[in-house]
């Protein structure tokens, strides 16, 4: 029933008295995939897109990061300094606060 029903996961979950996460797991094949293998499991399209801002890499510097404090990285990243900001996963620009 879950695989063939057109209702949303929330609506079907309320009807069957189960969580929407359970409905999602069955529909995507994360749960009960061995039952009725002939019925297709559908992975819904990604609804949330991560915001990625394009930045000129020549402007990236640890000194322009919000975590740079008193001449050093406040997160204690040992490689911090100079152009390491291009490779740092914690880098945040002071101007916009978005991860780059």
N, C-alpha and C. Protein backbone atom coordinates (compact mmCIF):
# COMPACT_ATOMS: atom_id res chain seq x y z
N UNK A 1 0.82 -1.19 0.00
CA UNK A 1 0.00 0.00 0.00
C UNK A 1 0.86 1.26 0.00
N UNK A 2 1.92 1.28 0.81
CA UNK A 2 2.76 2.47 0.92
C UNK A 2 3.43 2.80 -0.41
N UNK A 3 3.88 1.77 -1.12
CA UNK A 3 4.58 1.99 -2.38
C UNK A 3 3.67 2.48 -3.50
N UNK A 4 2.40 2.15 -3.43
CA UNK A 4 1.48 2.51 -4.50
C UNK A 4 0.62 3.73 -4.18
N UNK A 5 0.54 4.12 -2.94
CA UNK A 5 -0.32 5.22 -2.52
C UNK A 5 0.26 6.56 -2.98
N UNK A 6 -0.59 7.45 -3.46
CA UNK A 6 -0.15 8.74 -3.98
C UNK A 6 -0.12 9.84 -2.92
N UNK A 7 -0.61 9.54 -1.72
CA UNK A 7 -0.61 10.55 -0.66
C UNK A 7 0.80 10.85 -0.19
N UNK A 8 0.96 12.02 0.42
CA UNK A 8 2.27 12.39 0.95
C UNK A 8 2.61 11.49 2.13
N UNK A 9 3.88 11.51 2.52
CA UNK A 9 4.31 10.71 3.66
C UNK A 9 3.63 11.11 4.95
N UNK A 10 3.37 12.39 5.11
CA UNK A 10 2.69 12.89 6.31
C UNK A 10 1.24 12.40 6.35
N UNK A 11 0.55 12.55 5.24
CA UNK A 11 -0.85 12.12 5.18
C UNK A 11 -0.98 10.61 5.37
N UNK A 12 -0.14 9.85 4.69
CA UNK A 12 -0.20 8.40 4.80
C UNK A 12 0.22 7.94 6.19
N UNK A 13 1.19 8.61 6.77
CA UNK A 13 1.62 8.28 8.12
C UNK A 13 0.51 8.47 9.14
N UNK A 14 -0.24 9.57 8.99
CA UNK A 14 -1.37 9.79 9.90
C UNK A 14 -2.44 8.73 9.70
N UNK A 15 -2.70 8.36 8.46
CA UNK A 15 -3.70 7.35 8.15
C UNK A 15 -3.33 5.98 8.73
N UNK A 16 -2.04 5.62 8.61
CA UNK A 16 -1.57 4.31 9.07
C UNK A 16 -1.05 4.34 10.51
N UNK A 17 -1.03 5.52 11.12
CA UNK A 17 -0.53 5.70 12.48
C UNK A 17 0.94 5.30 12.62
N UNK A 18 1.74 5.74 11.65
CA UNK A 18 3.19 5.56 11.69
C UNK A 18 3.84 6.90 11.36
N UNK A 19 5.12 7.00 11.61
CA UNK A 19 5.81 8.26 11.35
C UNK A 19 6.04 8.48 9.85
N UNK A 20 6.10 9.75 9.43
CA UNK A 20 6.43 10.04 8.03
C UNK A 20 7.81 9.48 7.64
N UNK A 21 8.74 9.41 8.61
CA UNK A 21 10.06 8.85 8.33
C UNK A 21 9.97 7.38 7.95
N UNK A 22 9.06 6.66 8.60
CA UNK A 22 8.86 5.24 8.25
C UNK A 22 8.34 5.09 6.83
N UNK A 23 7.42 5.94 6.46
CA UNK A 23 6.88 5.92 5.09
C UNK A 23 8.02 6.20 4.10
N UNK A 24 8.83 7.19 4.40
CA UNK A 24 9.94 7.57 3.52
C UNK A 24 10.93 6.40 3.38
N UNK A 25 11.24 5.73 4.49
CA UNK A 25 12.19 4.62 4.44
C UNK A 25 11.67 3.47 3.58
N UNK A 26 10.39 3.19 3.65
CA UNK A 26 9.82 2.13 2.82
C UNK A 26 9.84 2.54 1.36
N UNK A 27 9.46 3.78 1.08
CA UNK A 27 9.39 4.24 -0.31
C UNK A 27 10.76 4.32 -0.98
N UNK A 28 11.79 4.61 -0.21
CA UNK A 28 13.13 4.73 -0.79
C UNK A 28 13.91 3.42 -0.74
N UNK A 29 13.33 2.38 -0.14
CA UNK A 29 13.99 1.08 -0.10
C UNK A 29 14.93 0.90 1.05
N UNK A 30 14.93 1.80 2.02
CA UNK A 30 15.79 1.64 3.19
C UNK A 30 15.21 0.66 4.19
N UNK A 31 13.92 0.39 4.08
CA UNK A 31 13.26 -0.57 4.96
C UNK A 31 12.35 -1.47 4.10
N UNK A 32 12.30 -2.72 4.44
CA UNK A 32 11.42 -3.69 3.78
C UNK A 32 11.65 -3.79 2.26
N UNK A 33 12.87 -3.64 1.82
CA UNK A 33 13.13 -3.70 0.39
C UNK A 33 13.01 -5.11 -0.17
N UNK A 34 13.05 -6.11 0.72
CA UNK A 34 12.92 -7.49 0.25
C UNK A 34 11.47 -7.90 0.01
N UNK A 35 10.51 -7.12 0.50
CA UNK A 35 9.10 -7.40 0.25
C UNK A 35 8.67 -6.75 -1.06
N UNK A 36 8.06 -7.49 -1.91
CA UNK A 36 7.60 -7.02 -3.22
C UNK A 36 8.71 -6.29 -3.99
N UNK A 37 9.78 -7.00 -4.29
CA UNK A 37 10.90 -6.36 -5.00
C UNK A 37 10.53 -5.90 -6.40
N UNK A 38 9.43 -6.41 -6.95
CA UNK A 38 9.02 -5.98 -8.29
C UNK A 38 8.44 -4.57 -8.30
N UNK A 39 8.03 -4.07 -7.15
CA UNK A 39 7.52 -2.69 -7.08
C UNK A 39 8.69 -1.73 -6.95
N UNK A 40 8.72 -0.70 -7.76
CA UNK A 40 9.85 0.22 -7.73
C UNK A 40 9.89 1.07 -6.47
N UNK A 41 11.08 1.28 -5.99
CA UNK A 41 11.30 2.20 -4.88
C UNK A 41 11.76 3.51 -5.50
N UNK A 42 11.19 4.60 -5.08
CA UNK A 42 11.48 5.89 -5.70
C UNK A 42 12.20 6.79 -4.70
N UNK A 43 13.32 7.32 -5.14
CA UNK A 43 14.03 8.29 -4.32
C UNK A 43 13.56 9.67 -4.75
N UNK A 44 12.91 10.41 -3.84
CA UNK A 44 12.40 11.73 -4.22
C UNK A 44 13.54 12.69 -4.55
N UNK A 45 13.23 13.65 -5.39
CA UNK A 45 14.23 14.65 -5.74
C UNK A 45 14.60 15.46 -4.52
N UNK A 46 15.81 15.90 -4.51
CA UNK A 46 16.30 16.70 -3.38
C UNK A 46 15.56 18.02 -3.33
N UNK A 47 14.96 18.30 -2.19
CA UNK A 47 14.16 19.51 -2.07
C UNK A 47 14.98 20.70 -1.56
N UNK A 48 16.04 20.41 -0.84
CA UNK A 48 16.83 21.47 -0.26
C UNK A 48 18.18 21.53 -0.95
N UNK A 49 18.52 22.67 -1.44
CA UNK A 49 19.78 22.85 -2.15
C UNK A 49 20.69 23.69 -1.27
N UNK A 50 21.88 23.20 -1.05
CA UNK A 50 22.83 23.92 -0.22
C UNK A 50 23.26 25.20 -0.94
N UNK A 51 23.24 26.29 -0.21
CA UNK A 51 23.65 27.58 -0.76
C UNK A 51 25.15 27.59 -0.89
N UNK A 52 25.61 27.82 -2.10
CA UNK A 52 27.04 27.93 -2.34
C UNK A 52 27.32 29.22 -3.07
N UNK A 53 28.09 30.05 -2.44
CA UNK A 53 28.42 31.33 -3.03
C UNK A 53 29.78 31.23 -3.71
N UNK A 54 29.85 31.72 -4.92
CA UNK A 54 31.12 31.75 -5.64
C UNK A 54 31.96 32.90 -5.09
N UNK A 55 33.20 32.58 -4.78
CA UNK A 55 34.11 33.58 -4.22
C UNK A 55 35.40 33.55 -5.03
N UNK A 56 35.93 34.70 -5.26
CA UNK A 56 37.22 34.79 -5.92
C UNK A 56 38.28 34.23 -4.96
N UNK A 57 38.90 33.09 -5.33
CA UNK A 57 39.85 32.43 -4.45
C UNK A 57 41.05 33.30 -4.09
N UNK A 58 41.36 34.29 -4.91
CA UNK A 58 42.50 35.14 -4.60
C UNK A 58 42.25 35.99 -3.37
N UNK A 59 40.99 36.14 -2.96
CA UNK A 59 40.66 36.94 -1.78
C UNK A 59 40.64 36.11 -0.50
N UNK A 60 40.70 34.78 -0.62
CA UNK A 60 40.63 33.94 0.57
C UNK A 60 41.93 34.02 1.36
N UNK A 61 41.78 34.30 2.62
CA UNK A 61 42.92 34.37 3.52
C UNK A 61 42.43 34.07 4.93
N UNK A 62 43.23 33.40 5.69
CA UNK A 62 42.83 33.10 7.06
C UNK A 62 42.55 34.38 7.84
N UNK A 63 43.24 35.45 7.49
CA UNK A 63 43.04 36.72 8.20
C UNK A 63 41.67 37.34 7.94
N UNK A 64 40.99 36.91 6.88
CA UNK A 64 39.65 37.44 6.60
C UNK A 64 38.55 36.50 7.09
N UNK A 65 38.93 35.47 7.81
CA UNK A 65 37.97 34.49 8.34
C UNK A 65 37.43 34.98 9.68
N UNK A 66 36.17 34.66 9.95
CA UNK A 66 35.56 35.06 11.22
C UNK A 66 36.19 34.34 12.41
N UNK A 67 36.86 33.23 12.16
CA UNK A 67 37.49 32.47 13.24
C UNK A 67 38.93 32.93 13.53
N UNK A 68 39.43 33.89 12.76
CA UNK A 68 40.78 34.42 12.98
C UNK A 68 40.71 35.44 14.10
N UNK A 69 41.46 35.20 15.18
CA UNK A 69 41.36 36.07 16.35
C UNK A 69 42.72 36.18 17.00
N UNK A 70 43.13 37.37 17.27
CA UNK A 70 44.41 37.68 17.92
C UNK A 70 45.59 37.02 17.21
N UNK A 71 45.56 37.09 15.88
CA UNK A 71 46.68 36.61 15.08
C UNK A 71 46.77 35.11 14.94
N UNK A 72 45.69 34.38 15.27
CA UNK A 72 45.72 32.93 15.10
C UNK A 72 44.30 32.41 14.93
N UNK A 73 44.19 31.16 14.55
CA UNK A 73 42.88 30.54 14.35
C UNK A 73 42.28 30.19 15.70
N UNK A 74 41.09 30.70 15.97
CA UNK A 74 40.45 30.43 17.26
C UNK A 74 39.95 28.99 17.36
N UNK A 75 39.88 28.28 16.23
CA UNK A 75 39.50 26.87 16.23
C UNK A 75 40.71 25.96 16.39
N UNK A 76 41.88 26.57 16.51
CA UNK A 76 43.15 25.87 16.72
C UNK A 76 43.48 24.90 15.59
N UNK A 77 43.17 25.30 14.37
CA UNK A 77 43.57 24.50 13.20
C UNK A 77 45.07 24.70 13.03
N UNK A 78 45.85 23.63 13.12
CA UNK A 78 47.31 23.79 13.09
C UNK A 78 47.86 24.33 11.78
N UNK A 79 47.18 24.07 10.67
CA UNK A 79 47.67 24.53 9.37
C UNK A 79 47.28 25.97 9.07
N UNK A 80 46.50 26.59 9.91
CA UNK A 80 45.95 27.92 9.64
C UNK A 80 47.04 28.96 9.40
N UNK A 81 46.70 29.88 8.52
CA UNK A 81 47.61 30.97 8.21
C UNK A 81 47.81 31.07 6.71
N UNK A 82 47.86 32.29 6.23
CA UNK A 82 48.10 32.50 4.81
C UNK A 82 46.99 32.01 3.93
N UNK A 83 47.34 31.22 2.91
CA UNK A 83 46.37 30.78 1.90
C UNK A 83 45.69 29.47 2.27
N UNK A 84 45.88 28.97 3.48
CA UNK A 84 45.23 27.73 3.88
C UNK A 84 43.70 27.85 3.84
N UNK A 85 43.19 29.06 3.88
CA UNK A 85 41.74 29.30 3.87
C UNK A 85 41.07 28.64 2.66
N UNK A 86 41.78 28.51 1.55
CA UNK A 86 41.21 27.89 0.36
C UNK A 86 40.84 26.43 0.61
N UNK A 87 41.56 25.75 1.50
CA UNK A 87 41.34 24.33 1.78
C UNK A 87 40.60 24.09 3.09
N UNK A 88 40.41 25.12 3.88
CA UNK A 88 39.83 24.97 5.21
C UNK A 88 38.31 24.80 5.13
N UNK A 89 37.79 23.77 5.79
CA UNK A 89 36.34 23.53 5.77
C UNK A 89 35.61 24.41 6.78
N UNK A 90 36.33 25.08 7.66
CA UNK A 90 35.71 25.96 8.65
C UNK A 90 35.69 27.42 8.21
N UNK A 91 36.31 27.72 7.08
CA UNK A 91 36.45 29.11 6.65
C UNK A 91 35.09 29.79 6.47
N UNK A 92 34.94 30.96 7.08
CA UNK A 92 33.77 31.80 6.90
C UNK A 92 34.26 33.21 6.67
N UNK A 93 33.74 33.82 5.61
CA UNK A 93 34.11 35.18 5.27
C UNK A 93 33.47 36.15 6.24
N UNK A 94 34.20 37.15 6.67
CA UNK A 94 33.66 38.16 7.59
C UNK A 94 32.53 38.95 6.95
N UNK A 95 32.60 39.15 5.63
CA UNK A 95 31.62 39.99 4.94
C UNK A 95 30.22 39.40 4.94
N UNK A 96 30.10 38.08 4.69
CA UNK A 96 28.77 37.53 4.55
C UNK A 96 28.44 36.41 5.52
N UNK A 97 29.41 35.83 6.18
CA UNK A 97 29.14 34.78 7.15
C UNK A 97 28.75 33.45 6.53
N UNK A 98 28.77 33.31 5.19
CA UNK A 98 28.40 32.06 4.53
C UNK A 98 29.64 31.20 4.37
N UNK A 99 29.48 29.88 4.53
CA UNK A 99 30.60 28.98 4.27
C UNK A 99 30.92 28.99 2.80
N UNK A 100 32.15 29.02 2.49
CA UNK A 100 32.57 29.03 1.10
C UNK A 100 33.29 27.76 0.78
